[in-house]
C-alpha atoms as a PDB file:
ATOM      1  CA  MET A   1     105.339 130.071  42.682  1.00  0.00           C
ATOM      2  CA  LYS A   2     106.628 126.544  42.269  1.00  0.00           C
ATOM      3  CA  ARG A   3     107.642 124.784  45.613  1.00  0.00           C
ATOM      4  CA  SER A   4     110.639 122.332  45.254  1.00  0.00           C
ATOM      5  CA  LEU A   5     109.817 118.550  45.898  1.00  0.00           C
ATOM      6  CA  LEU A   6     112.201 118.838  48.898  1.00  0.00           C
ATOM      7  CA  SER A   7     110.197 121.545  50.726  1.00  0.00           C
ATOM      8  CA  VAL A   8     106.879 119.779  49.939  1.00  0.00           C
ATOM      9  CA  CYS A   9     108.463 116.472  51.305  1.00  0.00           C
ATOM     10  CA  THR A  10     109.853 118.246  54.181  1.00  0.00           C
ATOM     11  CA  GLY A  11     106.557 120.111  55.214  1.00  0.00           C
ATOM     12  CA  THR A  12     104.642 116.501  54.865  1.00  0.00           C
ATOM     13  CA  ILE A  13     106.961 114.865  57.177  1.00  0.00           C
ATOM     14  CA  LEU A  14     106.889 117.626  59.640  1.00  0.00           C
ATOM     15  CA  PHE A  15     103.279 117.625  59.688  1.00  0.00           C
ATOM     16  CA  ILE A  16     102.924 113.715  60.015  1.00  0.00           C
ATOM     17  CA  SER A  17     105.457 113.826  62.559  1.00  0.00           C
ATOM     18  CA  ALA A  18     103.570 116.250  64.679  1.00  0.00           C
ATOM     19  CA  ALA A  19     100.123 114.316  64.214  1.00  0.00           C
ATOM     20  CA  VAL A  20     101.953 111.220  65.404  1.00  0.00           C
ATOM     21  CA  LEU A  21     103.153 112.975  68.517  1.00  0.00           C
ATOM     22  CA  VAL A  22      99.734 114.528  69.311  1.00  0.00           C
ATOM     23  CA  ALA A  23      98.029 111.085  68.892  1.00  0.00           C
ATOM     24  CA  VAL A  24     100.887 109.384  70.934  1.00  0.00           C
ATOM     25  CA  THR A  25     100.779 112.025  73.725  1.00  0.00           C
ATOM     26  CA  MET A  26      96.649 111.671  73.764  1.00  0.00           C
ATOM     27  CA  ALA A  27      96.930 107.865  74.018  1.00  0.00           C
ATOM     28  CA  ALA A  28      99.263 107.842  76.834  1.00  0.00           C
ATOM     29  CA  PRO A  29      97.813 106.299  80.204  1.00  0.00           C
ATOM     30  CA  VAL A  30      96.743 108.786  82.880  1.00  0.00           C
ATOM     31  CA  HIS A  31      97.880 107.737  86.361  1.00  0.00           C
ATOM     32  CA  ALA A  32      95.505 108.104  89.255  1.00  0.00           C
ATOM     33  CA  GLN A  33      95.978 111.220  91.510  1.00  0.00           C
ATOM     34  CA  SER A  34      95.427 109.234  94.900  1.00  0.00           C
ATOM     35  CA  SER A  35      96.353 106.052  96.199  1.00  0.00           C
ATOM     36  CA  LEU A  36      93.955 103.256  97.371  1.00  0.00           C
ATOM     37  CA  THR A  37      92.823 103.441 101.122  1.00  0.00           C
ATOM     38  CA  ARG A  38      91.262 100.335 102.894  1.00  0.00           C
ATOM     39  CA  ILE A  39      88.027 101.518 104.372  1.00  0.00           C
ATOM     40  CA  SER A  40      86.673  98.468 106.131  1.00  0.00           C
ATOM     41  CA  VAL A  41      87.792  94.821 106.921  1.00  0.00           C
ATOM     42  CA  ASP A  42      85.655  91.812 107.316  1.00  0.00           C
ATOM     43  CA  ASN A  43      85.863  90.791 110.904  1.00  0.00           C
ATOM     44  CA  LEU A  44      82.755  88.741 111.393  1.00  0.00           C
ATOM     45  CA  THR A  45      83.076  85.047 112.659  1.00  0.00           C
ATOM     46  CA  ASN A  46      79.673  83.338 112.079  1.00  0.00           C
ATOM     47  CA  THR A  47      80.028  79.959 110.282  1.00  0.00           C
ATOM     48  CA  ASP A  48      77.601  80.346 107.626  1.00  0.00           C
ATOM     49  CA  SER A  49      79.187  83.055 105.576  1.00  0.00           C
ATOM     50  CA  ASP A  50      82.158  83.219 103.385  1.00  0.00           C
ATOM     51  CA  HIS A  51      84.388  85.855 105.090  1.00  0.00           C
ATOM     52  CA  LYS A  52      87.117  88.133 104.183  1.00  0.00           C
ATOM     53  CA  THR A  53      84.801  89.311 101.271  1.00  0.00           C
ATOM     54  CA  GLU A  54      83.262  92.499 100.892  1.00  0.00           C
ATOM     55  CA  VAL A  55      81.289  92.940  97.415  1.00  0.00           C
ATOM     56  CA  GLU A  56      78.750  94.870  95.556  1.00  0.00           C
ATOM     57  CA  PRO A  57      79.961  98.204  96.650  1.00  0.00           C
ATOM     58  CA  ASP A  58      78.041 101.358  95.777  1.00  0.00           C
ATOM     59  CA  THR A  59      78.743 105.096  96.069  1.00  0.00           C
ATOM     60  CA  PHE A  60      76.234 107.882  96.920  1.00  0.00           C
ATOM     61  CA  ALA A  61      77.091 111.609  97.001  1.00  0.00           C
ATOM     62  CA  TRP A  62      75.190 114.544  98.050  1.00  0.00           C
ATOM     63  CA  GLY A  63      77.224 118.086  97.939  1.00  0.00           C
ATOM     64  CA  ASN A  64      80.561 117.345  99.472  1.00  0.00           C
ATOM     65  CA  THR A  65      79.392 114.171 101.438  1.00  0.00           C
ATOM     66  CA  ILE A  66      80.313 110.811  99.897  1.00  0.00           C
ATOM     67  CA  VAL A  67      78.877 107.454 101.531  1.00  0.00           C
ATOM     68  CA  SER A  68      79.855 104.142 100.592  1.00  0.00           C
ATOM     69  CA  ALA A  69      77.832 100.956 101.024  1.00  0.00           C
ATOM     70  CA  PHE A  70      78.944  97.347 100.476  1.00  0.00           C
ATOM     71  CA  HIS A  71      77.954  93.589 101.301  1.00  0.00           C
ATOM     72  CA  VAL A  72      80.084  92.059 104.223  1.00  0.00           C
ATOM     73  CA  GLY A  73      80.591  88.197 104.483  1.00  0.00           C
ATOM     74  CA  ARG A  74      78.776  86.810 101.650  1.00  0.00           C
ATOM     75  CA  ARG A  75      76.187  84.111 102.736  1.00  0.00           C
ATOM     76  CA  PRO A  76      75.023  81.464 100.231  1.00  0.00           C
ATOM     77  CA  GLY A  77      71.107  80.728 100.236  1.00  0.00           C
ATOM     78  CA  SER A  78      68.545  78.689  98.797  1.00  0.00           C
ATOM     79  CA  ILE A  79      67.386  81.446  96.344  1.00  0.00           C
ATOM     80  CA  GLY A  80      70.721  83.385  95.730  1.00  0.00           C
ATOM     81  CA  TRP A  81      73.496  84.903  97.799  1.00  0.00           C
ATOM     82  CA  GLY A  82      72.995  87.592 100.591  1.00  0.00           C
ATOM     83  CA  SER A  83      75.368  88.848 103.126  1.00  0.00           C
ATOM     84  CA  ALA A  84      76.174  88.578 106.789  1.00  0.00           C
ATOM     85  CA  ASP A  85      76.113  92.125 107.336  1.00  0.00           C
ATOM     86  CA  VAL A  86      75.850  95.677 105.548  1.00  0.00           C
ATOM     87  CA  GLY A  87      78.955  97.860 105.681  1.00  0.00           C
ATOM     88  CA  PHE A  88      79.338 101.320 105.173  1.00  0.00           C
ATOM     89  CA  ARG A  89      81.824 104.362 105.230  1.00  0.00           C
ATOM     90  CA  LEU A  90      81.042 108.072 105.829  1.00  0.00           C
ATOM     91  CA  PRO A  91      83.560 110.808 105.345  1.00  0.00           C
ATOM     92  CA  PRO A  92      85.839 111.403 108.393  1.00  0.00           C
ATOM     93  CA  MET A  93      84.184 114.733 108.959  1.00  0.00           C
ATOM     94  CA  ALA A  94      80.378 113.070 109.084  1.00  0.00           C
ATOM     95  CA  ALA A  95      81.421 110.187 111.143  1.00  0.00           C
END
């Protein structure tokens, strides 16, 4: 059974359109499900540190408990940078 050129072209166009639609849908950016929440503020006042800085964060988890740790108040040194303090944040139920 011979198919007409029009039906072959129509099928090809539909297939390509569906493939492009799937590719565009898969490439669309996904938005975060939650907003950012400030968990800490550098309120130290010593003069040998760069304040309003909280850097090198890391997060540790065990079961349902998540703990965040970070450097507070960067402090320049002769060997390298340090911090004026270490900050941490526990989940509300664990605090």
